[in-house]
Amino acid sequence: TAQIMAADHHLVLTDLDDAALTAAVEQIEALGGSAEYVVADIT
């Protein structure tokens, strides 16, 4: 979903895995989007 929404949104991704989030941001940026992440526990 993030890869689609990156076309017209700046994205803030959140999850528990720092390394996976880093990789996700890199994927989005490679596609020309902009993103950042915050490691967070939604509970």
Full PDB file with SEQRES, HELIX, SHEET, SSBOND, CRYST1, ORIGX, SCALE, CONECT and MASTER records, all heavy atoms in Angstrom:
SEQRES   1 A   43  THR ALA GLN ILE MET ALA ALA ASP HIS HIS LEU VAL LEU          
SEQRES   2 A   43  THR ASP LEU ASP ASP ALA ALA LEU THR ALA ALA VAL GLU          
SEQRES   3 A   43  GLN ILE GLU ALA LEU GLY GLY SER ALA GLU TYR VAL VAL          
SEQRES   4 A   43  ALA ASP ILE THR                                              
HELIX    1 AA1 ALA A    2  MET A    5  1                                   4    
HELIX    2 AA2 ASP A   18  ALA A   30  1                                  13    
SHEET    1 AA1 2 HIS A  10  ASP A  15  0                                        
SHEET    2 AA1 2 SER A  34  VAL A  39  1                                        
CRYST1    1.000    1.000    1.000  90.00  90.00  90.00 P 1           1          
ORIGX1      1.000000  0.000000  0.000000        0.00000                         
ORIGX2      0.000000  1.000000  0.000000        0.00000                         
ORIGX3      0.000000  0.000000  1.000000        0.00000                         
SCALE1      1.000000  0.000000  0.000000        0.00000                         
SCALE2      0.000000  1.000000  0.000000        0.00000                         
SCALE3      0.000000  0.000000  1.000000        0.00000                         
ATOM      1  N   THR A   1       0.829  -1.207   0.000  1.00  0.00           N  
ATOM      2  CA  THR A   1       0.000   0.000   0.000  1.00  0.00           C  
ATOM      3  C   THR A   1       0.860   1.253   0.000  1.00  0.00           C  
ATOM      4  O   THR A   1       0.575   2.225  -0.708  1.00  0.00           O  
ATOM      5  CB  THR A   1      -0.938  -0.002   1.215  1.00  0.00           C  
ATOM      6  OG1 THR A   1      -1.726  -1.194   1.215  1.00  0.00           O  
ATOM      7  CG2 THR A   1      -1.861   1.209   1.207  1.00  0.00           C  
ATOM      8  N   ALA A   2       1.926   1.216   0.782  1.00  0.00           N  
ATOM      9  CA  ALA A   2       2.833   2.363   0.842  1.00  0.00           C  
ATOM     10  C   ALA A   2       3.435   2.663  -0.525  1.00  0.00           C  
ATOM     11  O   ALA A   2       3.566   3.829  -0.926  1.00  0.00           O  
ATOM     12  CB  ALA A   2       3.936   2.089   1.862  1.00  0.00           C  
ATOM     13  N   GLN A   3       3.790   1.634  -1.264  1.00  0.00           N  
ATOM     14  CA  GLN A   3       4.399   1.832  -2.576  1.00  0.00           C  
ATOM     15  C   GLN A   3       3.435   2.523  -3.543  1.00  0.00           C  
ATOM     16  O   GLN A   3       3.862   3.295  -4.403  1.00  0.00           O  
ATOM     17  CB  GLN A   3       4.859   0.482  -3.134  1.00  0.00           C  
ATOM     18  CG  GLN A   3       6.050  -0.084  -2.374  1.00  0.00           C  
ATOM     19  CD  GLN A   3       6.370  -1.523  -2.743  1.00  0.00           C  
ATOM     20  OE1 GLN A   3       5.515  -2.237  -3.274  1.00  0.00           O  
ATOM     21  NE2 GLN A   3       7.578  -1.962  -2.457  1.00  0.00           N  
ATOM     22  N   ILE A   4       2.146   2.280  -3.386  1.00  0.00           N  
ATOM     23  CA  ILE A   4       1.150   2.962  -4.231  1.00  0.00           C  
ATOM     24  C   ILE A   4       0.928   4.392  -3.756  1.00  0.00           C  
ATOM     25  O   ILE A   4       0.939   5.339  -4.545  1.00  0.00           O  
ATOM     26  CB  ILE A   4      -0.181   2.191  -4.215  1.00  0.00           C  
ATOM     27  CG1 ILE A   4      -0.006   0.808  -4.857  1.00  0.00           C  
ATOM     28  CG2 ILE A   4      -1.281   2.977  -4.933  1.00  0.00           C  
ATOM     29  CD1 ILE A   4      -1.180  -0.121  -4.636  1.00  0.00           C  
ATOM     30  N   MET A   5       0.761   4.568  -2.450  1.00  0.00           N  
ATOM     31  CA  MET A   5       0.440   5.888  -1.914  1.00  0.00           C  
ATOM     32  C   MET A   5       1.617   6.849  -1.985  1.00  0.00           C  
ATOM     33  O   MET A   5       1.431   8.068  -1.896  1.00  0.00           O  
ATOM     34  CB  MET A   5      -0.062   5.750  -0.472  1.00  0.00           C  
ATOM     35  CG  MET A   5      -1.393   5.026  -0.364  1.00  0.00           C  
ATOM     36  SD  MET A   5      -2.077   5.013   1.313  1.00  0.00           S  
ATOM     37  CE  MET A   5      -2.506   6.749   1.536  1.00  0.00           C  
ATOM     38  N   ALA A   6       2.821   6.320  -2.177  1.00  0.00           N  
ATOM     39  CA  ALA A   6       4.009   7.173  -2.262  1.00  0.00           C  
ATOM     40  C   ALA A   6       3.962   8.099  -3.475  1.00  0.00           C  
ATOM     41  O   ALA A   6       4.670   9.111  -3.524  1.00  0.00           O  
ATOM     42  CB  ALA A   6       5.271   6.308  -2.323  1.00  0.00           C  
ATOM     43  N   ALA A   7       3.111   7.791  -4.449  1.00  0.00           N  
ATOM     44  CA  ALA A   7       3.010   8.635  -5.639  1.00  0.00           C  
ATOM     45  C   ALA A   7       2.528  10.038  -5.300  1.00  0.00           C  
ATOM     46  O   ALA A   7       2.927  11.012  -5.959  1.00  0.00           O  
ATOM     47  CB  ALA A   7       2.071   7.988  -6.658  1.00  0.00           C  
ATOM     48  N   ASP A   8       1.694  10.160  -4.267  1.00  0.00           N  
ATOM     49  CA  ASP A   8       1.169  11.485  -3.938  1.00  0.00           C  
ATOM     50  C   ASP A   8       1.127  11.776  -2.443  1.00  0.00           C  
ATOM     51  O   ASP A   8       0.400  12.676  -2.003  1.00  0.00           O  
ATOM     52  CB  ASP A   8      -0.214  11.684  -4.557  1.00  0.00           C  
ATOM     53  CG  ASP A   8      -1.176  10.541  -4.255  1.00  0.00           C  
ATOM     54  OD1 ASP A   8      -0.844   9.688  -3.402  1.00  0.00           O  
ATOM     55  OD2 ASP A   8      -2.268  10.510  -4.864  1.00  0.00           O  
ATOM     56  N   HIS A   9       1.890  11.019  -1.668  1.00  0.00           N  
ATOM     57  CA  HIS A   9       1.988  11.281  -0.229  1.00  0.00           C  
ATOM     58  C   HIS A   9       3.431  11.116   0.243  1.00  0.00           C  
ATOM     59  O   HIS A   9       4.168  10.268  -0.281  1.00  0.00           O  
ATOM     60  CB  HIS A   9       1.129  10.291   0.578  1.00  0.00           C  
ATOM     61  CG  HIS A   9      -0.335  10.479   0.442  1.00  0.00           C  
ATOM     62  ND1 HIS A   9      -1.057  10.006  -0.637  1.00  0.00           N  
ATOM     63  CD2 HIS A   9      -1.242  11.104   1.257  1.00  0.00           C  
ATOM     64  CE1 HIS A   9      -2.334  10.320  -0.483  1.00  0.00           C  
ATOM     65  NE2 HIS A   9      -2.472  10.980   0.647  1.00  0.00           N  
ATOM     66  N   HIS A  10       3.797  11.883   1.229  1.00  0.00           N  
ATOM     67  CA  HIS A  10       4.986  11.567   2.016  1.00  0.00           C  
ATOM     68  C   HIS A  10       4.536  10.543   3.054  1.00  0.00           C  
ATOM     69  O   HIS A  10       3.476  10.694   3.670  1.00  0.00           O  
ATOM     70  CB  HIS A  10       5.542  12.801   2.716  1.00  0.00           C  
ATOM     71  CG  HIS A  10       6.629  12.477   3.700  1.00  0.00           C  
ATOM     72  ND1 HIS A  10       7.893  12.088   3.306  1.00  0.00           N  
ATOM     73  CD2 HIS A  10       6.629  12.453   5.059  1.00  0.00           C  
ATOM     74  CE1 HIS A  10       8.635  11.840   4.381  1.00  0.00           C  
ATOM     75  NE2 HIS A  10       7.897  12.063   5.452  1.00  0.00           N  
ATOM     76  N   LEU A  11       5.308   9.487   3.235  1.00  0.00           N  
ATOM     77  CA  LEU A  11       4.871   8.381   4.077  1.00  0.00           C  
ATOM     78  C   LEU A  11       5.648   8.295   5.381  1.00  0.00           C  
ATOM     79  O   LEU A  11       6.868   8.488   5.414  1.00  0.00           O  
ATOM     80  CB  LEU A  11       5.022   7.063   3.324  1.00  0.00           C  
ATOM     81  CG  LEU A  11       4.185   6.952   2.048  1.00  0.00           C  
ATOM     82  CD1 LEU A  11       4.500   5.655   1.327  1.00  0.00           C  
ATOM     83  CD2 LEU A  11       2.698   7.038   2.361  1.00  0.00           C  
ATOM     84  N   VAL A  12       4.906   7.982   6.425  1.00  0.00           N  
ATOM     85  CA  VAL A  12       5.508   7.632   7.710  1.00  0.00           C  
ATOM     86  C   VAL A  12       5.110   6.187   7.990  1.00  0.00           C  
ATOM     87  O   VAL A  12       3.931   5.888   8.205  1.00  0.00           O  
ATOM     88  CB  VAL A  12       5.039   8.557   8.842  1.00  0.00           C  
ATOM     89  CG1 VAL A  12       5.625   8.096  10.182  1.00  0.00           C  
ATOM     90  CG2 VAL A  12       5.442   9.996   8.560  1.00  0.00           C  
ATOM     91  N   LEU A  13       6.079   5.306   7.953  1.00  0.00           N  
ATOM     92  CA  LEU A  13       5.840   3.885   8.196  1.00  0.00           C  
ATOM     93  C   LEU A  13       6.121   3.571   9.653  1.00  0.00           C  
ATOM     94  O   LEU A  13       7.039   4.131  10.263  1.00  0.00           O  
ATOM     95  CB  LEU A  13       6.749   3.023   7.319  1.00  0.00           C  
ATOM     96  CG  LEU A  13       6.780   3.334   5.818  1.00  0.00           C  
ATOM     97  CD1 LEU A  13       7.704   2.354   5.104  1.00  0.00           C  
ATOM     98  CD2 LEU A  13       5.393   3.322   5.227  1.00  0.00           C  
ATOM     99  N   THR A  14       5.354   2.656  10.203  1.00  0.00           N  
ATOM    100  CA  THR A  14       5.627   2.231  11.572  1.00  0.00           C  
ATOM    101  C   THR A  14       5.430   0.737  11.712  1.00  0.00           C  
ATOM    102  O   THR A  14       4.600   0.127  11.037  1.00  0.00           O  
ATOM    103  CB  THR A  14       4.753   2.986  12.592  1.00  0.00           C  
ATOM    104  OG1 THR A  14       5.163   2.627  13.910  1.00  0.00           O  
ATOM    105  CG2 THR A  14       3.282   2.653  12.421  1.00  0.00           C  
ATOM    106  N   ASP A  15       6.252   0.140  12.552  1.00  0.00           N  
ATOM    107  CA  ASP A  15       6.250  -1.292  12.826  1.00  0.00           C  
ATOM    108  C   ASP A  15       7.240  -1.494  13.971  1.00  0.00           C  
ATOM    109  O   ASP A  15       7.755  -0.524  14.541  1.00  0.00           O  
ATOM    110  CB  ASP A  15       6.662  -2.085  11.578  1.00  0.00           C  
ATOM    111  CG  ASP A  15       5.896  -3.400  11.440  1.00  0.00           C  
ATOM    112  OD1 ASP A  15       5.684  -4.048  12.481  1.00  0.00           O  
ATOM    113  OD2 ASP A  15       5.535  -3.775  10.316  1.00  0.00           O  
ATOM    114  N   LEU A  16       7.547  -2.750  14.275  1.00  0.00           N  
ATOM    115  CA  LEU A  16       8.458  -3.042  15.384  1.00  0.00           C  
ATOM    116  C   LEU A  16       9.891  -3.351  14.945  1.00  0.00           C  
ATOM    117  O   LEU A  16      10.806  -3.322  15.757  1.00  0.00           O  
ATOM    118  CB  LEU A  16       7.937  -4.231  16.202  1.00  0.00           C  
ATOM    119  CG  LEU A  16       6.676  -3.981  17.018  1.00  0.00           C  
ATOM    120  CD1 LEU A  16       6.139  -5.298  17.570  1.00  0.00           C  
ATOM    121  CD2 LEU A  16       6.959  -3.005  18.154  1.00  0.00           C  
ATOM    122  N   ASP A  17      10.086  -3.666  13.661  1.00  0.00           N  
ATOM    123  CA  ASP A  17      11.377  -4.138  13.162  1.00  0.00           C  
ATOM    124  C   ASP A  17      12.137  -3.002  12.481  1.00  0.00           C  
ATOM    125  O   ASP A  17      11.799  -2.601  11.359  1.00  0.00           O  
ATOM    126  CB  ASP A  17      11.133  -5.294  12.184  1.00  0.00           C  
ATOM    127  CG  ASP A  17      12.417  -5.998  11.763  1.00  0.00           C  
ATOM    128  OD1 ASP A  17      13.474  -5.338  11.702  1.00  0.00           O  
ATOM    129  OD2 ASP A  17      12.359  -7.207  11.487  1.00  0.00           O  
ATOM    130  N   ASP A  18      13.165  -2.501  13.150  1.00  0.00           N  
ATOM    131  CA  ASP A  18      13.948  -1.380  12.641  1.00  0.00           C  
ATOM    132  C   ASP A  18      14.561  -1.691  11.278  1.00  0.00           C  
ATOM    133  O   ASP A  18      14.488  -0.890  10.338  1.00  0.00           O  
ATOM    134  CB  ASP A  18      15.035  -1.018  13.653  1.00  0.00           C  
ATOM    135  CG  ASP A  18      15.759   0.261  13.295  1.00  0.00           C  
ATOM    136  OD1 ASP A  18      16.576   0.233  12.353  1.00  0.00           O  
ATOM    137  OD2 ASP A  18      15.524   1.288  13.962  1.00  0.00           O  
ATOM    138  N   ALA A  19      15.165  -2.872  11.158  1.00  0.00           N  
ATOM    139  CA  ALA A  19      15.835  -3.235   9.907  1.00  0.00           C  
ATOM    140  C   ALA A  19      14.840  -3.349   8.752  1.00  0.00           C  
ATOM    141  O   ALA A  19      15.108  -2.896   7.628  1.00  0.00           O  
ATOM    142  CB  ALA A  19      16.592  -4.547  10.079  1.00  0.00           C  
ATOM    143  N   ALA A  20      13.680  -3.956   9.022  1.00  0.00           N  
ATOM    144  CA  ALA A  20      12.670  -4.105   7.978  1.00  0.00           C  
ATOM    145  C   ALA A  20      12.111  -2.747   7.560  1.00  0.00           C  
ATOM    146  O   ALA A  20      11.836  -2.511   6.371  1.00  0.00           O  
ATOM    147  CB  ALA A  20      11.551  -5.016   8.459  1.00  0.00           C  
ATOM    148  N   LEU A  21      11.938  -1.843   8.511  1.00  0.00           N  
ATOM    149  CA  LEU A  21      11.456  -0.509   8.192  1.00  0.00           C  
ATOM    150  C   LEU A  21      12.477   0.265   7.368  1.00  0.00           C  
ATOM    151  O   LEU A  21      12.117   0.976   6.423  1.00  0.00           O  
ATOM    152  CB  LEU A  21      11.128   0.259   9.478  1.00  0.00           C  
ATOM    153  CG  LEU A  21       9.833  -0.151  10.177  1.00  0.00           C  
ATOM    154  CD1 LEU A  21       9.787   0.409  11.590  1.00  0.00           C  
ATOM    155  CD2 LEU A  21       8.609   0.312   9.389  1.00  0.00           C  
ATOM    156  N   THR A  22      13.743   0.125   7.713  1.00  0.00           N  
ATOM    157  CA  THR A  22      14.804   0.768   6.934  1.00  0.00           C  
ATOM    158  C   THR A  22      14.771   0.299   5.485  1.00  0.00           C  
ATOM    159  O   THR A  22      14.848   1.095   4.542  1.00  0.00           O  
ATOM    160  CB  THR A  22      16.181   0.460   7.548  1.00  0.00           C  
ATOM    161  OG1 THR A  22      16.238   0.988   8.879  1.00  0.00           O  
ATOM    162  CG2 THR A  22      17.304   1.076   6.726  1.00  0.00           C  
ATOM    163  N   ALA A  23      14.629  -1.013   5.300  1.00  0.00           N  
ATOM    164  CA  ALA A  23      14.568  -1.577   3.949  1.00  0.00           C  
ATOM    165  C   ALA A  23      13.332  -1.078   3.200  1.00  0.00           C  
ATOM    166  O   ALA A  23      13.389  -0.801   1.994  1.00  0.00           O  
ATOM    167  CB  ALA A  23      14.562  -3.099   4.020  1.00  0.00           C  
ATOM    168  N   ALA A  24      12.208  -0.954   3.901  1.00  0.00           N  
ATOM    169  CA  ALA A  24      10.973  -0.483   3.276  1.00  0.00           C  
ATOM    170  C   ALA A  24      11.114   0.959   2.799  1.00  0.00           C  
ATOM    171  O   ALA A  24      10.691   1.300   1.683  1.00  0.00           O  
ATOM    172  CB  ALA A  24       9.809  -0.613   4.256  1.00  0.00           C  
ATOM    173  N   VAL A  25      11.698   1.799   3.628  1.00  0.00           N  
ATOM    174  CA  VAL A  25      11.918   3.198   3.234  1.00  0.00           C  
ATOM    175  C   VAL A  25      12.835   3.266   2.018  1.00  0.00           C  
ATOM    176  O   VAL A  25      12.599   4.042   1.076  1.00  0.00           O  
ATOM    177  CB  VAL A  25      12.503   4.003   4.416  1.00  0.00           C  
ATOM    178  CG1 VAL A  25      13.023   5.357   3.941  1.00  0.00           C  
ATOM    179  CG2 VAL A  25      11.449   4.197   5.497  1.00  0.00           C  
ATOM    180  N   GLU A  26      13.877   2.445   1.995  1.00  0.00           N  
ATOM    181  CA  GLU A  26      14.787   2.422   0.851  1.00  0.00           C  
ATOM    182  C   GLU A  26      14.068   2.003  -0.428  1.00  0.00           C  
ATOM    183  O   GLU A  26      14.320   2.559  -1.500  1.00  0.00           O  
ATOM    184  CB  GLU A  26      15.957   1.476   1.142  1.00  0.00           C  
ATOM    185  CG  GLU A  26      16.907   2.004   2.211  1.00  0.00           C  
ATOM    186  CD  GLU A  26      17.977   0.999   2.601  1.00  0.00           C  
ATOM    187  OE1 GLU A  26      17.890  -0.176   2.174  1.00  0.00           O  
ATOM    188  OE2 GLU A  26      18.914   1.383   3.341  1.00  0.00           O  
ATOM    189  N   GLN A  27      13.143   1.039  -0.321  1.00  0.00           N  
ATOM    190  CA  GLN A  27      12.374   0.618  -1.495  1.00  0.00           C  
ATOM    191  C   GLN A  27      11.516   1.754  -2.032  1.00  0.00           C  
ATOM    192  O   GLN A  27      11.428   1.976  -3.242  1.00  0.00           O  
ATOM    193  CB  GLN A  27      11.481  -0.571  -1.135  1.00  0.00           C  
ATOM    194  CG  GLN A  27      12.208  -1.887  -0.966  1.00  0.00           C  
ATOM    195  CD  GLN A  27      11.228  -3.031  -0.709  1.00  0.00           C  
ATOM    196  OE1 GLN A  27      10.181  -3.133  -1.360  1.00  0.00           O  
ATOM    197  NE2 GLN A  27      11.553  -3.887   0.235  1.00  0.00           N  
ATOM    198  N   ILE A  28      10.861   2.462  -1.129  1.00  0.00           N  
ATOM    199  CA  ILE A  28       9.990   3.562  -1.535  1.00  0.00           C  
ATOM    200  C   ILE A  28      10.805   4.686  -2.170  1.00  0.00           C  
ATOM    201  O   ILE A  28      10.423   5.249  -3.208  1.00  0.00           O  
ATOM    202  CB  ILE A  28       9.181   4.069  -0.329  1.00  0.00           C  
ATOM    203  CG1 ILE A  28       8.138   3.012   0.072  1.00  0.00           C  
ATOM    204  CG2 ILE A  28       8.490   5.398  -0.649  1.00  0.00           C  
ATOM    205  CD1 ILE A  28       7.533   3.230   1.422  1.00  0.00           C  
ATOM    206  N   GLU A  29      11.929   5.002  -1.583  1.00  0.00           N  
ATOM    207  CA  GLU A  29      12.776   6.059  -2.128  1.00  0.00           C  
ATOM    208  C   GLU A  29      13.358   5.659  -3.479  1.00  0.00           C  
ATOM    209  O   GLU A  29      13.521   6.505  -4.367  1.00  0.00           O  
ATOM    210  CB  GLU A  29      13.877   6.407  -1.131  1.00  0.00           C  
ATOM    211  CG  GLU A  29      13.329   7.095   0.120  1.00  0.00           C  
ATOM    212  CD  GLU A  29      14.397   7.411   1.151  1.00  0.00           C  
ATOM    213  OE1 GLU A  29      15.482   6.784   1.073  1.00  0.00           O  
ATOM    214  OE2 GLU A  29      14.151   8.262   2.022  1.00  0.00           O  
ATOM    215  N   ALA A  30      13.644   4.374  -3.666  1.00  0.00           N  
ATOM    216  CA  ALA A  30      14.146   3.896  -4.954  1.00  0.00           C  
ATOM    217  C   ALA A  30      13.111   4.059  -6.056  1.00  0.00           C  
ATOM    218  O   ALA A  30      13.461   4.182  -7.238  1.00  0.00           O  
ATOM    219  CB  ALA A  30      14.568   2.432  -4.837  1.00  0.00           C  
ATOM    220  N   LEU A  31      11.842   4.068  -5.671  1.00  0.00           N  
ATOM    221  CA  LEU A  31      10.754   4.258  -6.623  1.00  0.00           C  
ATOM    222  C   LEU A  31      10.427   5.735  -6.841  1.00  0.00           C  
ATOM    223  O   LEU A  31       9.493   6.075  -7.565  1.00  0.00           O  
ATOM    224  CB  LEU A  31       9.496   3.531  -6.134  1.00  0.00           C  
ATOM    225  CG  LEU A  31       9.579   1.991  -6.074  1.00  0.00           C  
ATOM    226  CD1 LEU A  31       8.357   1.418  -5.375  1.00  0.00           C  
ATOM    227  CD2 LEU A  31       9.715   1.415  -7.477  1.00  0.00           C  
ATOM    228  N   GLY A  32      11.184   6.606  -6.188  1.00  0.00           N  
ATOM    229  CA  GLY A  32      10.986   8.036  -6.356  1.00  0.00           C  
ATOM    230  C   GLY A  32      10.107   8.682  -5.307  1.00  0.00           C  
ATOM    231  O   GLY A  32       9.806   9.877  -5.395  1.00  0.00           O  
ATOM    232  N   GLY A  33       9.695   7.918  -4.302  1.00  0.00           N  
ATOM    233  CA  GLY A  33       8.860   8.457  -3.237  1.00  0.00           C  
ATOM    234  C   GLY A  33       9.678   8.984  -2.078  1.00  0.00           C  
ATOM    235  O   GLY A  33      10.912   8.881  -2.057  1.00  0.00           O  
ATOM    236  N   SER A  34       8.989   9.541  -1.106  1.00  0.00           N  
ATOM    237  CA  SER A  34       9.666  10.020   0.114  1.00  0.00           C  
ATOM    238  C   SER A  34       9.015   9.360   1.316  1.00  0.00           C  
ATOM    239  O   SER A  34       7.793   9.227   1.383  1.00  0.00           O  
ATOM    240  CB  SER A  34       9.571  11.545   0.234  1.00  0.00           C  
ATOM    241  OG  SER A  34       8.224  11.966   0.368  1.00  0.00           O  
ATOM    242  N   ALA A  35       9.843   8.920   2.240  1.00  0.00           N  
ATOM    243  CA  ALA A  35       9.315   8.196   3.399  1.00  0.00           C  
ATOM    244  C   ALA A  35      10.279   8.291   4.562  1.00  0.00           C  
ATOM    245  O   ALA A  35      11.471   8.569   4.397  1.00  0.00           O  
ATOM    246  CB  ALA A  35       9.077   6.728   3.038  1.00  0.00           C  
ATOM    247  N   GLU A  36       9.739   8.066   5.735  1.00  0.00           N  
ATOM    248  CA  GLU A  36      10.514   7.942   6.960  1.00  0.00           C  
ATOM    249  C   GLU A  36       9.825   6.900   7.810  1.00  0.00           C  
ATOM    250  O   GLU A  36       8.761   6.391   7.445  1.00  0.00           O  
ATOM    251  CB  GLU A  36      10.578   9.277   7.695  1.00  0.00           C  
ATOM    252  CG  GLU A  36       9.204   9.820   8.109  1.00  0.00           C  
ATOM    253  CD  GLU A  36       9.278  11.231   8.663  1.00  0.00           C  
ATOM    254  OE1 GLU A  36       9.608  11.347   9.866  1.00  0.00           O  
ATOM    255  OE2 GLU A  36       9.009  12.182   7.897  1.00  0.00           O  
ATOM    256  N   TYR A  37      10.431   6.545   8.938  1.00  0.00           N  
ATOM    257  CA  TYR A  37       9.780   5.545   9.777  1.00  0.00           C  
ATOM    258  C   TYR A  37       9.951   5.863  11.251  1.00  0.00           C  
ATOM    259  O   TYR A  37      10.861   6.595  11.657  1.00  0.00           O  
ATOM    260  CB  TYR A  37      10.296   4.137   9.465  1.00  0.00           C  
ATOM    261  CG  TYR A  37      11.704   3.830   9.948  1.00  0.00           C  
ATOM    262  CD1 TYR A  37      11.927   3.392  11.259  1.00  0.00           C  
ATOM    263  CD2 TYR A  37      12.788   3.941   9.090  1.00  0.00           C  
ATOM    264  CE1 TYR A  37      13.202   3.100  11.700  1.00  0.00           C  
ATOM    265  CE2 TYR A  37      14.068   3.640   9.519  1.00  0.00           C  
ATOM    266  CZ  TYR A  37      14.270   3.218  10.829  1.00  0.00           C  
ATOM    267  OH  TYR A  37      15.544   2.927  11.266  1.00  0.00           O  
ATOM    268  N   VAL A  38       9.038   5.296  12.019  1.00  0.00           N  
ATOM    269  CA  VAL A  38       9.091   5.376  13.477  1.00  0.00           C  
ATOM    270  C   VAL A  38       8.840   3.973  14.008  1.00  0.00           C  
ATOM    271  O   VAL A  38       7.801   3.370  13.698  1.00  0.00           O  
ATOM    272  CB  VAL A  38       8.018   6.334  14.041  1.00  0.00           C  
ATOM    273  CG1 VAL A  38       8.096   6.364  15.573  1.00  0.00           C  
ATOM    274  CG2 VAL A  38       8.174   7.728  13.457  1.00  0.00           C  
ATOM    275  N   VAL A  39       9.771   3.435  14.779  1.00  0.00           N  
ATOM    276  CA  VAL A  39       9.544   2.147  15.428  1.00  0.00           C  
ATOM    277  C   VAL A  39       8.569   2.369  16.580  1.00  0.00           C  
ATOM    278  O   VAL A  39       8.793   3.217  17.443  1.00  0.00           O  
ATOM    279  CB  VAL A  39      10.866   1.552  15.953  1.00  0.00           C  
ATOM    280  CG1 VAL A  39      10.603   0.251  16.719  1.00  0.00           C  
ATOM    281  CG2 VAL A  39      11.831   1.288  14.807  1.00  0.00           C  
ATOM    282  N   ALA A  40       7.463   1.630  16.567  1.00  0.00           N  
ATOM    283  CA  ALA A  40       6.453   1.842  17.603  1.00  0.00           C  
ATOM    284  C   ALA A  40       5.634   0.588  17.833  1.00  0.00           C  
ATOM    285  O   ALA A  40       5.409  -0.204  16.917  1.00  0.00           O  
ATOM    286  CB  ALA A  40       5.521   2.993  17.221  1.00  0.00           C  
ATOM    287  N   ASP A  41       5.200   0.433  19.068  1.00  0.00           N  
ATOM    288  CA  ASP A  41       4.313  -0.657  19.485  1.00  0.00           C  
ATOM    289  C   ASP A  41       2.904  -0.087  19.584  1.00  0.00           C  
ATOM    290  O   ASP A  41       2.629   0.759  20.443  1.00  0.00           O  
ATOM    291  CB  ASP A  41       4.790  -1.194  20.841  1.00  0.00           C  
ATOM    292  CG  ASP A  41       3.927  -2.320  21.382  1.00  0.00           C  
ATOM    293  OD1 ASP A  41       2.878  -2.632  20.779  1.00  0.00           O  
ATOM    294  OD2 ASP A  41       4.285  -2.881  22.434  1.00  0.00           O  
ATOM    295  N   ILE A  42       2.000  -0.536  18.726  1.00  0.00           N  
ATOM    296  CA  ILE A  42       0.660   0.056  18.693  1.00  0.00           C  
ATOM    297  C   ILE A  42      -0.172  -0.294  19.926  1.00  0.00           C  
ATOM    298  O   ILE A  42      -1.232   0.301  20.133  1.00  0.00           O  
ATOM    299  CB  ILE A  42      -0.110  -0.343  17.421  1.00  0.00           C  
ATOM    300  CG1 ILE A  42      -0.296  -1.860  17.329  1.00  0.00           C  
ATOM    301  CG2 ILE A  42       0.569   0.217  16.187  1.00  0.00           C  
ATOM    302  CD1 ILE A  42      -1.273  -2.294  16.245  1.00  0.00           C  
ATOM    303  N   THR A  43       0.275  -1.239  20.740  1.00  0.00           N  
ATOM    304  CA  THR A  43      -0.463  -1.542  21.968  1.00  0.00           C  
ATOM    305  C   THR A  43      -0.218  -0.481  23.037  1.00  0.00           C  
ATOM    306  O   THR A  43      -0.891  -0.487  24.068  1.00  0.00           O  
ATOM    307  CB  THR A  43      -0.097  -2.929  22.522  1.00  0.00           C  
ATOM    308  OG1 THR A  43       1.263  -2.927  22.985  1.00  0.00           O  
ATOM    309  CG2 THR A  43      -0.271  -4.008  21.462  1.00  0.00           C  
TER     310      THR A  43                                                      
MASTER        0    0    0    2    2    0    0    6  309    1    0    4          
END                                                                             
